[in-house]
Amino acid sequence: MEIQEIEVVILPDGKVEVRVRGVKGQACLELTAEMEKALGGTILLREMTPEAQEPPTAIDQSDTLSLSQ
């Protein structure tokens, strides 16, 4: 199984960048939806990687991210 990563970078101006690697298809949007909502829900820019155009792979539910406030 390929490694799936979510990298979160907080910039000096307070903006947050979220990068997803190792997830094929549109599944990356599902993985980051709760995080985006927790961060305020305003998306300034969304850049899809070439992996987003590849056929999706199954996501093991034990690998999903859960956030609490």
C-alpha atoms as a PDB file:
ATOM      1  CA  MET A   1       0.000   0.000   0.000  1.00  0.00           C
ATOM      2  CA  GLU A   2       1.219   3.461  -0.882  1.00  0.00           C
ATOM      3  CA  ILE A   3       1.889   5.911   1.943  1.00  0.00           C
ATOM      4  CA  GLN A   4      -0.806   8.554   2.283  1.00  0.00           C
ATOM      5  CA  GLU A   5       0.260  11.878   3.768  1.00  0.00           C
ATOM      6  CA  ILE A   6      -1.422  15.115   4.735  1.00  0.00           C
ATOM      7  CA  GLU A   7       1.026  17.972   5.279  1.00  0.00           C
ATOM      8  CA  VAL A   8      -0.202  21.116   7.030  1.00  0.00           C
ATOM      9  CA  VAL A   9       1.897  24.285   6.765  1.00  0.00           C
ATOM     10  CA  ILE A  10       1.036  27.424   8.741  1.00  0.00           C
ATOM     11  CA  LEU A  11       2.547  30.449   7.036  1.00  0.00           C
ATOM     12  CA  PRO A  12       3.804  33.538   8.903  1.00  0.00           C
ATOM     13  CA  ASP A  13       0.743  35.515   7.754  1.00  0.00           C
ATOM     14  CA  GLY A  14      -1.564  32.915   9.350  1.00  0.00           C
ATOM     15  CA  LYS A  15      -2.683  31.279   6.109  1.00  0.00           C
ATOM     16  CA  VAL A  16      -2.707  27.499   6.117  1.00  0.00           C
ATOM     17  CA  GLU A  17      -1.607  25.235   3.271  1.00  0.00           C
ATOM     18  CA  VAL A  18      -2.763  21.618   3.208  1.00  0.00           C
ATOM     19  CA  ARG A  19      -1.000  19.211   0.861  1.00  0.00           C
ATOM     20  CA  VAL A  20      -2.127  15.641   0.226  1.00  0.00           C
ATOM     21  CA  ARG A  21       0.171  12.986  -1.223  1.00  0.00           C
ATOM     22  CA  GLY A  22      -0.382   9.338  -2.071  1.00  0.00           C
ATOM     23  CA  VAL A  23      -4.154   9.644  -2.570  1.00  0.00           C
ATOM     24  CA  LYS A  24      -5.487   9.069  -6.066  1.00  0.00           C
ATOM     25  CA  GLY A  25      -8.666  10.550  -7.531  1.00  0.00           C
ATOM     26  CA  GLN A  26     -10.911  13.005  -5.719  1.00  0.00           C
ATOM     27  CA  ALA A  27     -10.564  11.151  -2.384  1.00  0.00           C
ATOM     28  CA  CYS A  28      -8.173  13.874  -1.220  1.00  0.00           C
ATOM     29  CA  LEU A  29     -11.150  16.253  -0.995  1.00  0.00           C
ATOM     30  CA  GLU A  30     -12.938  13.861   1.360  1.00  0.00           C
ATOM     31  CA  LEU A  31      -9.827  13.492   3.509  1.00  0.00           C
ATOM     32  CA  THR A  32      -9.403  17.231   3.992  1.00  0.00           C
ATOM     33  CA  ALA A  33     -13.069  18.325   4.222  1.00  0.00           C
ATOM     34  CA  GLU A  34     -13.304  18.242   8.034  1.00  0.00           C
ATOM     35  CA  MET A  35      -9.923  19.923   8.413  1.00  0.00           C
ATOM     36  CA  GLU A  36     -10.966  22.691   6.023  1.00  0.00           C
ATOM     37  CA  LYS A  37     -14.179  23.203   7.979  1.00  0.00           C
ATOM     38  CA  ALA A  38     -12.272  23.314  11.302  1.00  0.00           C
ATOM     39  CA  LEU A  39      -9.907  25.928   9.850  1.00  0.00           C
ATOM     40  CA  GLY A  40     -12.750  28.242   8.884  1.00  0.00           C
ATOM     41  CA  GLY A  41     -13.915  26.747   5.616  1.00  0.00           C
ATOM     42  CA  THR A  42     -12.647  29.530   3.347  1.00  0.00           C
ATOM     43  CA  ILE A  43     -10.551  28.157   0.479  1.00  0.00           C
ATOM     44  CA  LEU A  44      -8.465  30.829  -1.256  1.00  0.00           C
ATOM     45  CA  LEU A  45      -6.876  28.501  -3.790  1.00  0.00           C
ATOM     46  CA  ARG A  46      -7.192  24.792  -4.555  1.00  0.00           C
ATOM     47  CA  GLU A  47      -4.577  23.215  -6.792  1.00  0.00           C
ATOM     48  CA  MET A  48      -5.150  19.594  -7.718  1.00  0.00           C
ATOM     49  CA  THR A  49      -2.094  17.390  -8.231  1.00  0.00           C
ATOM     50  CA  PRO A  50      -1.688  14.938 -11.114  1.00  0.00           C
ATOM     51  CA  GLU A  51      -2.679  12.182  -8.642  1.00  0.00           C
ATOM     52  CA  ALA A  52      -6.201  13.654  -8.589  1.00  0.00           C
ATOM     53  CA  GLN A  53      -6.578  12.601 -12.243  1.00  0.00           C
ATOM     54  CA  GLU A  54      -5.632   8.974 -11.549  1.00  0.00           C
ATOM     55  CA  PRO A  55      -8.183   6.252 -10.773  1.00  0.00           C
ATOM     56  CA  PRO A  56      -9.032   6.290  -7.046  1.00  0.00           C
ATOM     57  CA  THR A  57      -7.713   3.749  -4.604  1.00  0.00           C
ATOM     58  CA  ALA A  58      -9.717   2.364  -1.722  1.00  0.00           C
ATOM     59  CA  ILE A  59      -9.325   4.222   1.566  1.00  0.00           C
ATOM     60  CA  ASP A  60      -9.114   2.160   4.719  1.00  0.00           C
ATOM     61  CA  GLN A  61     -11.382   3.814   7.277  1.00  0.00           C
ATOM     62  CA  SER A  62      -8.721   3.299   9.965  1.00  0.00           C
ATOM     63  CA  ASP A  63      -6.479   5.677   7.994  1.00  0.00           C
ATOM     64  CA  THR A  64      -8.882   8.639   8.025  1.00  0.00           C
ATOM     65  CA  LEU A  65      -8.165  11.812   9.959  1.00  0.00           C
ATOM     66  CA  SER A  66     -10.461  12.969  12.720  1.00  0.00           C
ATOM     67  CA  LEU A  67     -10.376  16.412  14.262  1.00  0.00           C
ATOM     68  CA  SER A  68     -11.958  17.687  17.443  1.00  0.00           C
ATOM     69  CA  GLN A  69     -12.158  21.186  18.825  1.00  0.00           C
END
